[in-house]
Amino acid sequence: MNAKAEVFGPEVARRIDAHLGAVDRALTAAGMPLRERRDILDDLEGQIHEMLAAQAGATPTVADAEAVLARLDPPDAYEEAVAEGRPAAAGPRAPEPIEPRLSRPALYGALWAPLFFLNGFLYMFATVHVSVQGAPPPPPPGPQWWQILLMIGMAGAGLSAPFGTTVLGLVSISQIRNSGGRLYGLPLAVFDVLLFPLLLLDAVLYAAIHAAARAITGAPPTDVVALIALVACLAFDVLIIYLVWRALREAPAAQKPAVGL
């Protein structure tokens, strides 16, 4: 204990010794020979020192020691391991299983995207018919204040959807790849990222094919040209999606934490 007291301080050293003593008593109760007990305790003590140094550096506090010891298997687990014939090796406690959940940014991005198309639909097809009477007829009534606020809100949400959906998709991809399996929804995140950029690129490609056909033939593009342009856009989309998905699947991601005893 004197050496540990010089390195960590007397309180931290006493806390470490108390844990090691409890493990030793558990192994003794399980009938483990002295030499094997010493090997396990030496390994456990070395691991505690490394974990303390990684967490608090050269001056750990009692709270740091408690936090490190809480991550280890309790002393009783060593006795149970010996009784069940499992290796009673020192190691961090196995983390509690975590149920994977869907990435929220990916979900929010997918819910935001349709507002762009809804705004376009309302702009092109929504009409209001009013009937006014009088001589001369008065001007038609305008929208109420709450209708104006609703239109402004819908327009803002719809026009910002391409930017917001793409950003949320990028955030979701980063979170999923660094979650160690705690988050899922990578296909949905890729959909968020690629939806509006692909639509823009499709529009450019479609217009370029039409312009090229007009320049070559000197006549307006036919239905055949339109079909060729649609097929080319679809093939382009499939290629981009495949390349992005392959890059994400092949790139290294965060590993799941190792389990102990």
Protein backbone atom coordinates (compact mmCIF):
# COMPACT_ATOMS: atom_id res chain seq x y z
CA MET A 1 0.00 0.00 0.00
CA ASN A 2 2.94 2.35 0.63
CA ALA A 3 3.85 2.44 -3.06
CA LYS A 4 0.26 3.08 -4.10
CA ALA A 5 -0.09 5.74 -1.41
CA GLU A 6 2.92 7.58 -2.81
CA VAL A 7 1.48 7.47 -6.33
CA PHE A 8 -2.24 8.00 -5.74
CA GLY A 9 -2.52 9.25 -2.17
CA PRO A 10 -3.54 7.30 0.96
CA GLU A 11 -7.33 7.51 0.49
CA VAL A 12 -7.26 6.27 -3.11
CA ALA A 13 -4.77 3.52 -2.15
CA ARG A 14 -7.01 2.33 0.70
CA ARG A 15 -9.99 2.18 -1.66
CA ILE A 16 -8.03 0.12 -4.20
CA ASP A 17 -6.73 -2.22 -1.49
CA ALA A 18 -10.25 -2.70 -0.14
CA HIS A 19 -11.46 -3.79 -3.57
CA LEU A 20 -8.50 -6.10 -4.11
CA GLY A 21 -9.01 -7.60 -0.64
CA ALA A 22 -12.68 -8.28 -1.40
CA VAL A 23 -11.71 -10.00 -4.66
CA ASP A 24 -9.07 -12.06 -2.85
CA ARG A 25 -11.61 -13.21 -0.25
CA ALA A 26 -14.07 -14.15 -3.00
CA LEU A 27 -11.42 -16.20 -4.82
CA THR A 28 -10.35 -17.84 -1.55
CA ALA A 29 -13.94 -18.79 -0.79
CA ALA A 30 -14.14 -20.36 -4.24
CA GLY A 31 -11.11 -22.55 -3.42
CA MET A 32 -8.61 -20.97 -5.84
CA PRO A 33 -4.92 -21.67 -5.06
CA LEU A 34 -2.75 -18.83 -3.75
CA ARG A 35 -0.56 -18.55 -6.86
CA GLU A 36 -3.55 -18.19 -9.17
CA ARG A 37 -5.12 -15.65 -6.83
CA ARG A 38 -1.96 -13.57 -6.87
CA ASP A 39 -1.81 -13.61 -10.67
CA ILE A 40 -5.41 -12.40 -10.93
CA LEU A 41 -4.91 -9.72 -8.27
CA ASP A 42 -1.71 -8.47 -9.92
CA ASP A 43 -3.49 -8.21 -13.27
CA LEU A 44 -6.45 -6.49 -11.65
CA GLU A 45 -4.27 -4.00 -9.79
CA GLY A 46 -2.36 -3.14 -12.96
CA GLN A 47 -5.58 -2.61 -14.84
CA ILE A 48 -6.93 -0.34 -12.10
CA HIS A 49 -3.76 1.75 -12.27
CA GLU A 50 -4.04 2.09 -16.05
CA MET A 51 -7.71 3.05 -15.88
CA LEU A 52 -7.01 5.63 -13.16
CA ALA A 53 -4.15 7.13 -15.15
CA ALA A 54 -6.32 7.32 -18.28
CA GLN A 55 -9.18 8.95 -16.40
CA ALA A 56 -7.45 11.35 -14.00
CA GLY A 57 -3.77 11.44 -14.86
CA ALA A 58 -1.22 11.48 -12.05
CA THR A 59 -3.50 12.89 -9.32
CA PRO A 60 -6.72 10.84 -9.13
CA THR A 61 -9.26 11.59 -6.44
CA VAL A 62 -11.37 9.20 -4.39
CA ALA A 63 -14.26 9.97 -6.75
CA ASP A 64 -12.08 8.92 -9.70
CA ALA A 65 -11.21 5.68 -7.91
CA GLU A 66 -14.88 5.00 -7.17
CA ALA A 67 -15.77 5.61 -10.82
CA VAL A 68 -13.07 3.21 -12.04
CA LEU A 69 -13.99 0.49 -9.54
CA ALA A 70 -17.65 0.83 -10.49
CA ARG A 71 -16.71 -0.16 -14.04
CA LEU A 72 -15.14 -3.43 -12.84
CA ASP A 73 -16.87 -6.67 -12.04
CA PRO A 74 -17.90 -6.89 -8.37
CA PRO A 75 -15.91 -9.28 -6.14
CA ASP A 76 -18.79 -11.76 -6.02
CA ALA A 77 -18.55 -12.19 -9.79
CA TYR A 78 -15.12 -13.80 -9.40
CA GLU A 79 -16.44 -16.40 -7.00
CA GLU A 80 -19.36 -17.14 -9.31
CA ALA A 81 -17.01 -17.47 -12.29
CA VAL A 82 -14.85 -20.03 -10.50
CA ALA A 83 -17.89 -21.96 -9.32
CA GLU A 84 -19.25 -22.09 -12.88
CA GLY A 85 -15.91 -23.09 -14.37
CA ARG A 86 -15.41 -19.79 -16.24
CA PRO A 87 -12.07 -17.92 -16.33
CA ALA A 88 -11.90 -15.48 -13.41
CA ALA A 89 -9.77 -12.98 -15.30
CA ALA A 90 -9.66 -9.31 -14.40
CA GLY A 91 -11.49 -7.01 -16.75
CA PRO A 92 -14.03 -4.23 -16.99
CA ARG A 93 -17.61 -5.12 -16.30
CA ALA A 94 -19.56 -6.02 -19.42
CA PRO A 95 -21.75 -3.04 -20.34
CA GLU A 96 -25.48 -3.37 -20.08
CA PRO A 97 -27.04 -4.25 -23.44
CA ILE A 98 -28.39 -1.18 -25.18
CA GLU A 99 -31.40 -1.43 -27.46
CA PRO A 100 -30.54 0.25 -30.78
CA ARG A 101 -32.80 3.14 -31.72
CA LEU A 102 -33.55 4.98 -34.93
CA SER A 103 -31.45 8.09 -35.54
CA ARG A 104 -33.67 11.09 -34.85
CA PRO A 105 -31.96 13.45 -37.34
CA ALA A 106 -32.59 10.89 -40.10
CA LEU A 107 -36.27 10.67 -39.12
CA TYR A 108 -36.70 14.44 -38.83
CA GLY A 109 -35.06 14.95 -42.22
CA ALA A 110 -37.39 12.42 -43.86
CA LEU A 111 -40.41 14.17 -42.33
CA TRP A 112 -39.17 17.61 -43.40
CA ALA A 113 -38.58 16.73 -47.06
CA PRO A 114 -42.27 16.30 -48.11
CA LEU A 115 -43.01 19.91 -47.11
CA PHE A 116 -41.07 21.08 -50.17
CA PHE A 117 -43.27 19.08 -52.53
CA LEU A 118 -46.43 19.99 -50.63
CA ASN A 119 -45.65 23.68 -51.09
CA GLY A 120 -45.09 23.16 -54.79
CA PHE A 121 -48.39 21.32 -55.11
CA LEU A 122 -50.30 24.04 -53.27
CA TYR A 123 -48.65 26.77 -55.33
CA MET A 124 -49.56 25.16 -58.66
CA PHE A 125 -53.02 23.75 -57.96
CA ALA A 126 -54.56 25.46 -54.94
CA THR A 127 -57.11 28.11 -55.99
CA VAL A 128 -59.76 30.01 -54.08
CA HIS A 129 -63.07 31.02 -55.65
CA VAL A 130 -64.95 33.97 -54.16
CA SER A 131 -68.18 35.62 -55.18
CA VAL A 132 -68.68 39.36 -54.76
CA GLN A 133 -71.80 41.36 -55.41
CA GLY A 134 -72.55 45.05 -55.80
CA ALA A 135 -72.30 47.79 -58.37
CA PRO A 136 -69.47 48.33 -58.76
CA PRO A 137 -68.37 45.05 -57.12
CA PRO A 138 -66.08 45.49 -54.10
CA PRO A 139 -62.59 44.03 -54.19
CA PRO A 140 -62.45 40.38 -53.20
CA PRO A 141 -61.63 39.73 -49.56
CA GLY A 142 -58.02 39.01 -48.67
CA PRO A 143 -56.73 36.25 -46.42
CA GLN A 144 -57.09 36.53 -42.66
CA TRP A 145 -54.05 37.23 -40.47
CA TRP A 146 -53.79 33.63 -39.33
CA GLN A 147 -53.93 32.49 -42.95
CA ILE A 148 -51.05 34.81 -43.79
CA LEU A 149 -49.00 33.44 -40.88
CA LEU A 150 -49.80 29.88 -41.94
CA MET A 151 -48.74 30.57 -45.53
CA ILE A 152 -45.50 32.19 -44.40
CA GLY A 153 -44.74 29.28 -42.07
CA MET A 154 -45.51 26.66 -44.71
CA ALA A 155 -43.48 28.52 -47.33
CA GLY A 156 -40.51 28.85 -44.98
CA ALA A 157 -40.60 25.19 -43.97
CA GLY A 158 -40.97 24.06 -47.59
CA LEU A 159 -38.28 26.28 -49.08
CA SER A 160 -35.80 25.36 -46.33
CA ALA A 161 -36.47 21.62 -46.68
CA PRO A 162 -33.72 20.94 -49.26
CA PHE A 163 -31.09 22.49 -47.03
CA GLY A 164 -32.44 21.17 -43.71
CA THR A 165 -33.04 17.62 -44.92
CA THR A 166 -29.55 17.36 -46.41
CA VAL A 167 -27.86 18.70 -43.27
CA LEU A 168 -29.86 16.39 -40.99
CA GLY A 169 -28.88 13.45 -43.20
CA LEU A 170 -25.20 14.32 -42.88
CA VAL A 171 -25.52 14.68 -39.11
CA SER A 172 -27.33 11.35 -38.91
CA ILE A 173 -24.68 9.51 -40.92
CA SER A 174 -21.97 10.83 -38.60
CA GLN A 175 -23.93 9.86 -35.47
CA ILE A 176 -24.79 6.37 -36.73
CA ARG A 177 -21.23 5.56 -37.78
CA ASN A 178 -19.84 6.68 -34.41
CA SER A 179 -22.55 5.16 -32.21
CA GLY A 180 -21.04 1.69 -31.93
CA GLY A 181 -24.30 0.06 -32.99
CA ARG A 182 -26.53 2.11 -30.68
CA LEU A 183 -28.18 3.91 -33.61
CA TYR A 184 -29.58 2.59 -36.88
CA GLY A 185 -31.22 4.15 -39.92
CA LEU A 186 -28.28 4.56 -42.30
CA PRO A 187 -30.42 3.98 -45.45
CA LEU A 188 -32.83 6.70 -44.29
CA ALA A 189 -29.92 9.06 -43.61
CA VAL A 190 -28.48 8.41 -47.08
CA PHE A 191 -31.94 9.13 -48.53
CA ASP A 192 -31.97 12.48 -46.71
CA VAL A 193 -28.53 13.40 -47.99
CA LEU A 194 -29.06 12.45 -51.63
CA LEU A 195 -32.73 13.34 -52.27
CA PHE A 196 -32.49 17.00 -53.19
CA PRO A 197 -28.97 17.00 -54.68
CA LEU A 198 -30.02 14.18 -57.01
CA LEU A 199 -33.21 15.99 -57.96
CA LEU A 200 -31.17 19.07 -58.87
CA LEU A 201 -28.66 17.04 -60.86
CA ASP A 202 -31.50 15.19 -62.60
CA ALA A 203 -33.06 18.50 -63.65
CA VAL A 204 -29.72 19.69 -65.04
CA LEU A 205 -29.12 16.41 -66.88
CA TYR A 206 -32.67 16.33 -68.27
CA ALA A 207 -32.39 19.90 -69.52
CA ALA A 208 -28.96 19.21 -71.04
CA ILE A 209 -30.26 16.20 -73.00
CA HIS A 210 -33.22 18.22 -74.27
CA ALA A 211 -30.95 21.08 -75.29
CA ALA A 212 -28.56 18.69 -77.06
CA ALA A 213 -31.43 17.03 -78.94
CA ARG A 214 -32.78 20.42 -80.04
CA ALA A 215 -29.33 21.53 -81.18
CA ILE A 216 -28.80 18.33 -83.19
CA THR A 217 -32.21 18.01 -84.81
CA GLY A 218 -33.24 21.65 -84.92
CA ALA A 219 -36.71 20.66 -83.73
CA PRO A 220 -38.44 20.41 -80.37
CA PRO A 221 -37.53 17.19 -78.48
CA THR A 222 -39.87 14.27 -79.02
CA ASP A 223 -41.29 11.80 -76.50
CA VAL A 224 -38.45 9.45 -77.34
CA VAL A 225 -35.93 12.07 -76.26
CA ALA A 226 -37.89 12.62 -73.05
CA LEU A 227 -37.84 8.87 -72.36
CA ILE A 228 -34.11 8.69 -73.02
CA ALA A 229 -33.57 11.62 -70.64
CA LEU A 230 -35.62 9.94 -67.91
CA VAL A 231 -33.72 6.66 -68.27
CA ALA A 232 -30.41 8.52 -68.18
CA CYS A 233 -31.45 10.33 -65.00
CA LEU A 234 -32.53 7.07 -63.38
CA ALA A 235 -29.26 5.34 -64.30
CA PHE A 236 -27.31 8.33 -62.96
CA ASP A 237 -29.23 8.22 -59.66
CA VAL A 238 -28.65 4.48 -59.23
CA LEU A 239 -24.92 4.90 -59.87
CA ILE A 240 -24.54 7.75 -57.36
CA ILE A 241 -26.54 5.91 -54.69
CA TYR A 242 -24.48 2.76 -55.21
CA LEU A 243 -21.16 4.63 -54.95
CA VAL A 244 -22.19 6.53 -51.82
CA TRP A 245 -23.56 3.40 -50.13
CA ARG A 246 -20.45 1.37 -50.94
CA ALA A 247 -18.20 4.14 -49.60
CA LEU A 248 -20.13 4.26 -46.33
CA ARG A 249 -20.14 0.48 -45.93
CA GLU A 250 -16.42 0.11 -46.63
CA ALA A 251 -15.17 3.07 -44.58
CA PRO A 252 -14.13 2.20 -40.99
CA ALA A 253 -16.56 3.17 -38.24
CA ALA A 254 -16.44 3.30 -34.45
CA GLN A 255 -16.06 -0.11 -32.86
CA LYS A 256 -18.29 -1.46 -30.15
CA PRO A 257 -16.75 -1.43 -26.66
CA ALA A 258 -15.04 -4.65 -25.52
CA VAL A 259 -16.67 -6.72 -22.82
CA GLY A 260 -15.00 -8.03 -19.68
CA LEU A 261 -15.67 -10.91 -17.30
